[in-house]
Amino acid sequence: IGTAALRDADWAEATRARLARDAARLDGLMERAGTRPLGGTTLFRLFDTPDARALQDRLAAARIWIRAFPYSERWLRLGLPGREADWRRLEVALA
């Protein structure tokens, strides 16, 4: 992204709207997979799950890296998938 794009108010607004939609999409996808969305930003989302390590291992097997926290056995942080192919890979791994 060049500096001209960063000064483009329409681009910035469209990007914020897309990120908000993607954050809601990720929350819904993870909720259907048995986690509870706890919030976060429009770039990273935090989820509560009964066994964070097991879900981390499952997604890692699909080459999806998520962050488990050493101080919580239940919390995971996941960044928004970038491309539609990444979304599909996450959906398959969670199925």
C-alpha atoms as a PDB file:
ATOM      1  CA  ILE A   1       0.000   0.000   0.000  1.00  0.00           C
ATOM      2  CA  GLY A   2       1.498   3.292  -1.050  1.00  0.00           C
ATOM      3  CA  THR A   3       1.274   6.547   0.857  1.00  0.00           C
ATOM      4  CA  ALA A   4      -1.272   7.859  -1.663  1.00  0.00           C
ATOM      5  CA  ALA A   5      -3.664   5.048  -0.671  1.00  0.00           C
ATOM      6  CA  LEU A   6      -3.228   5.924   2.989  1.00  0.00           C
ATOM      7  CA  ARG A   7      -4.375   9.480   2.225  1.00  0.00           C
ATOM      8  CA  ASP A   8      -7.372   8.227   0.253  1.00  0.00           C
ATOM      9  CA  ALA A   9     -10.359   8.653   2.574  1.00  0.00           C
ATOM     10  CA  ASP A  10     -12.637   6.473   0.433  1.00  0.00           C
ATOM     11  CA  TRP A  11     -10.087   3.639   0.414  1.00  0.00           C
ATOM     12  CA  ALA A  12      -9.592   3.959   4.164  1.00  0.00           C
ATOM     13  CA  GLU A  13     -13.341   3.840   4.844  1.00  0.00           C
ATOM     14  CA  ALA A  14     -13.833   0.872   2.509  1.00  0.00           C
ATOM     15  CA  THR A  15     -10.957  -0.949   4.197  1.00  0.00           C
ATOM     16  CA  ARG A  16     -12.360  -0.317   7.687  1.00  0.00           C
ATOM     17  CA  ALA A  17     -15.768  -1.603   6.557  1.00  0.00           C
ATOM     18  CA  ARG A  18     -14.244  -4.734   4.969  1.00  0.00           C
ATOM     19  CA  LEU A  19     -12.210  -5.469   8.096  1.00  0.00           C
ATOM     20  CA  ALA A  20     -15.302  -5.101  10.293  1.00  0.00           C
ATOM     21  CA  ARG A  21     -17.224  -7.532   8.042  1.00  0.00           C
ATOM     22  CA  ASP A  22     -14.303  -9.971   8.066  1.00  0.00           C
ATOM     23  CA  ALA A  23     -14.023  -9.779  11.870  1.00  0.00           C
ATOM     24  CA  ALA A  24     -17.730 -10.604  12.183  1.00  0.00           C
ATOM     25  CA  ARG A  25     -17.327 -13.418   9.652  1.00  0.00           C
ATOM     26  CA  LEU A  26     -14.441 -14.906  11.635  1.00  0.00           C
ATOM     27  CA  ASP A  27     -16.367 -14.615  14.902  1.00  0.00           C
ATOM     28  CA  GLY A  28     -19.300 -16.472  13.338  1.00  0.00           C
ATOM     29  CA  LEU A  29     -17.104 -19.170  11.849  1.00  0.00           C
ATOM     30  CA  MET A  30     -15.294 -19.762  15.120  1.00  0.00           C
ATOM     31  CA  GLU A  31     -18.538 -19.688  17.093  1.00  0.00           C
ATOM     32  CA  ARG A  32     -19.981 -22.420  14.854  1.00  0.00           C
ATOM     33  CA  ALA A  33     -16.797 -24.403  15.606  1.00  0.00           C
ATOM     34  CA  GLY A  34     -17.529 -24.286  19.334  1.00  0.00           C
ATOM     35  CA  THR A  35     -15.548 -21.276  20.495  1.00  0.00           C
ATOM     36  CA  ARG A  36     -16.868 -18.111  22.077  1.00  0.00           C
ATOM     37  CA  PRO A  37     -15.695 -14.806  20.593  1.00  0.00           C
ATOM     38  CA  LEU A  38     -14.305 -12.498  23.273  1.00  0.00           C
ATOM     39  CA  GLY A  39     -13.544  -9.515  21.048  1.00  0.00           C
ATOM     40  CA  GLY A  40     -10.322  -8.046  19.787  1.00  0.00           C
ATOM     41  CA  THR A  41      -9.629  -5.714  16.914  1.00  0.00           C
ATOM     42  CA  THR A  42     -10.541  -5.865  13.251  1.00  0.00           C
ATOM     43  CA  LEU A  43      -7.166  -7.523  12.588  1.00  0.00           C
ATOM     44  CA  PHE A  44      -6.970 -10.076  15.411  1.00  0.00           C
ATOM     45  CA  ARG A  45      -9.793 -11.809  17.292  1.00  0.00           C
ATOM     46  CA  LEU A  46      -9.731 -13.481  20.707  1.00  0.00           C
ATOM     47  CA  PHE A  47     -11.685 -16.674  21.368  1.00  0.00           C
ATOM     48  CA  ASP A  48     -12.504 -18.832  24.378  1.00  0.00           C
ATOM     49  CA  THR A  49     -12.485 -22.574  23.737  1.00  0.00           C
ATOM     50  CA  PRO A  50     -12.588 -25.595  26.051  1.00  0.00           C
ATOM     51  CA  ASP A  51      -9.122 -26.794  24.942  1.00  0.00           C
ATOM     52  CA  ALA A  52      -6.989 -24.123  23.281  1.00  0.00           C
ATOM     53  CA  ARG A  53      -3.983 -26.413  22.742  1.00  0.00           C
ATOM     54  CA  ALA A  54      -6.030 -29.072  20.954  1.00  0.00           C
ATOM     55  CA  LEU A  55      -7.573 -26.514  18.602  1.00  0.00           C
ATOM     56  CA  GLN A  56      -4.172 -24.918  18.023  1.00  0.00           C
ATOM     57  CA  ASP A  57      -2.727 -28.316  17.073  1.00  0.00           C
ATOM     58  CA  ARG A  58      -5.673 -29.057  14.784  1.00  0.00           C
ATOM     59  CA  LEU A  59      -5.325 -25.784  12.917  1.00  0.00           C
ATOM     60  CA  ALA A  60      -1.528 -26.047  12.799  1.00  0.00           C
ATOM     61  CA  ALA A  61      -1.943 -29.371  10.990  1.00  0.00           C
ATOM     62  CA  ALA A  62      -3.762 -27.355   8.302  1.00  0.00           C
ATOM     63  CA  ARG A  63      -0.918 -24.785   8.250  1.00  0.00           C
ATOM     64  CA  ILE A  64      -3.000 -22.221  10.121  1.00  0.00           C
ATOM     65  CA  TRP A  65      -1.080 -20.556  12.912  1.00  0.00           C
ATOM     66  CA  ILE A  66      -2.979 -19.205  15.883  1.00  0.00           C
ATOM     67  CA  ARG A  67      -1.670 -17.933  19.166  1.00  0.00           C
ATOM     68  CA  ALA A  68      -2.337 -19.814  22.364  1.00  0.00           C
ATOM     69  CA  PHE A  69      -1.503 -18.004  25.579  1.00  0.00           C
ATOM     70  CA  PRO A  70       0.774 -19.616  28.194  1.00  0.00           C
ATOM     71  CA  TYR A  71      -1.382 -18.213  31.006  1.00  0.00           C
ATOM     72  CA  SER A  72      -4.697 -19.551  29.678  1.00  0.00           C
ATOM     73  CA  GLU A  73      -5.726 -23.046  28.647  1.00  0.00           C
ATOM     74  CA  ARG A  74      -8.829 -21.614  26.965  1.00  0.00           C
ATOM     75  CA  TRP A  75      -7.846 -18.503  24.993  1.00  0.00           C
ATOM     76  CA  LEU A  76      -6.699 -18.315  21.372  1.00  0.00           C
ATOM     77  CA  ARG A  77      -5.946 -15.357  19.133  1.00  0.00           C
ATOM     78  CA  LEU A  78      -6.443 -15.609  15.405  1.00  0.00           C
ATOM     79  CA  GLY A  79      -5.703 -13.076  12.708  1.00  0.00           C
ATOM     80  CA  LEU A  80      -8.162 -12.447   9.909  1.00  0.00           C
ATOM     81  CA  PRO A  81      -7.622 -14.651   6.865  1.00  0.00           C
ATOM     82  CA  GLY A  82      -6.483 -12.555   3.921  1.00  0.00           C
ATOM     83  CA  ARG A  83      -7.637 -14.297   0.782  1.00  0.00           C
ATOM     84  CA  GLU A  84     -10.771 -16.284   0.072  1.00  0.00           C
ATOM     85  CA  ALA A  85      -8.608 -19.413  -0.239  1.00  0.00           C
ATOM     86  CA  ASP A  86      -7.406 -18.824   3.324  1.00  0.00           C
ATOM     87  CA  TRP A  87     -11.000 -18.565   4.541  1.00  0.00           C
ATOM     88  CA  ARG A  88     -11.835 -21.857   2.824  1.00  0.00           C
ATOM     89  CA  ARG A  89      -8.787 -23.572   4.362  1.00  0.00           C
ATOM     90  CA  LEU A  90      -9.894 -22.389   7.821  1.00  0.00           C
ATOM     91  CA  GLU A  91     -13.476 -23.562   7.218  1.00  0.00           C
ATOM     92  CA  VAL A  92     -12.240 -27.016   6.158  1.00  0.00           C
ATOM     93  CA  ALA A  93      -9.892 -27.281   9.149  1.00  0.00           C
ATOM     94  CA  LEU A  94     -12.721 -26.397  11.547  1.00  0.00           C
ATOM     95  CA  ALA A  95     -15.251 -28.801   9.971  1.00  0.00           C
END
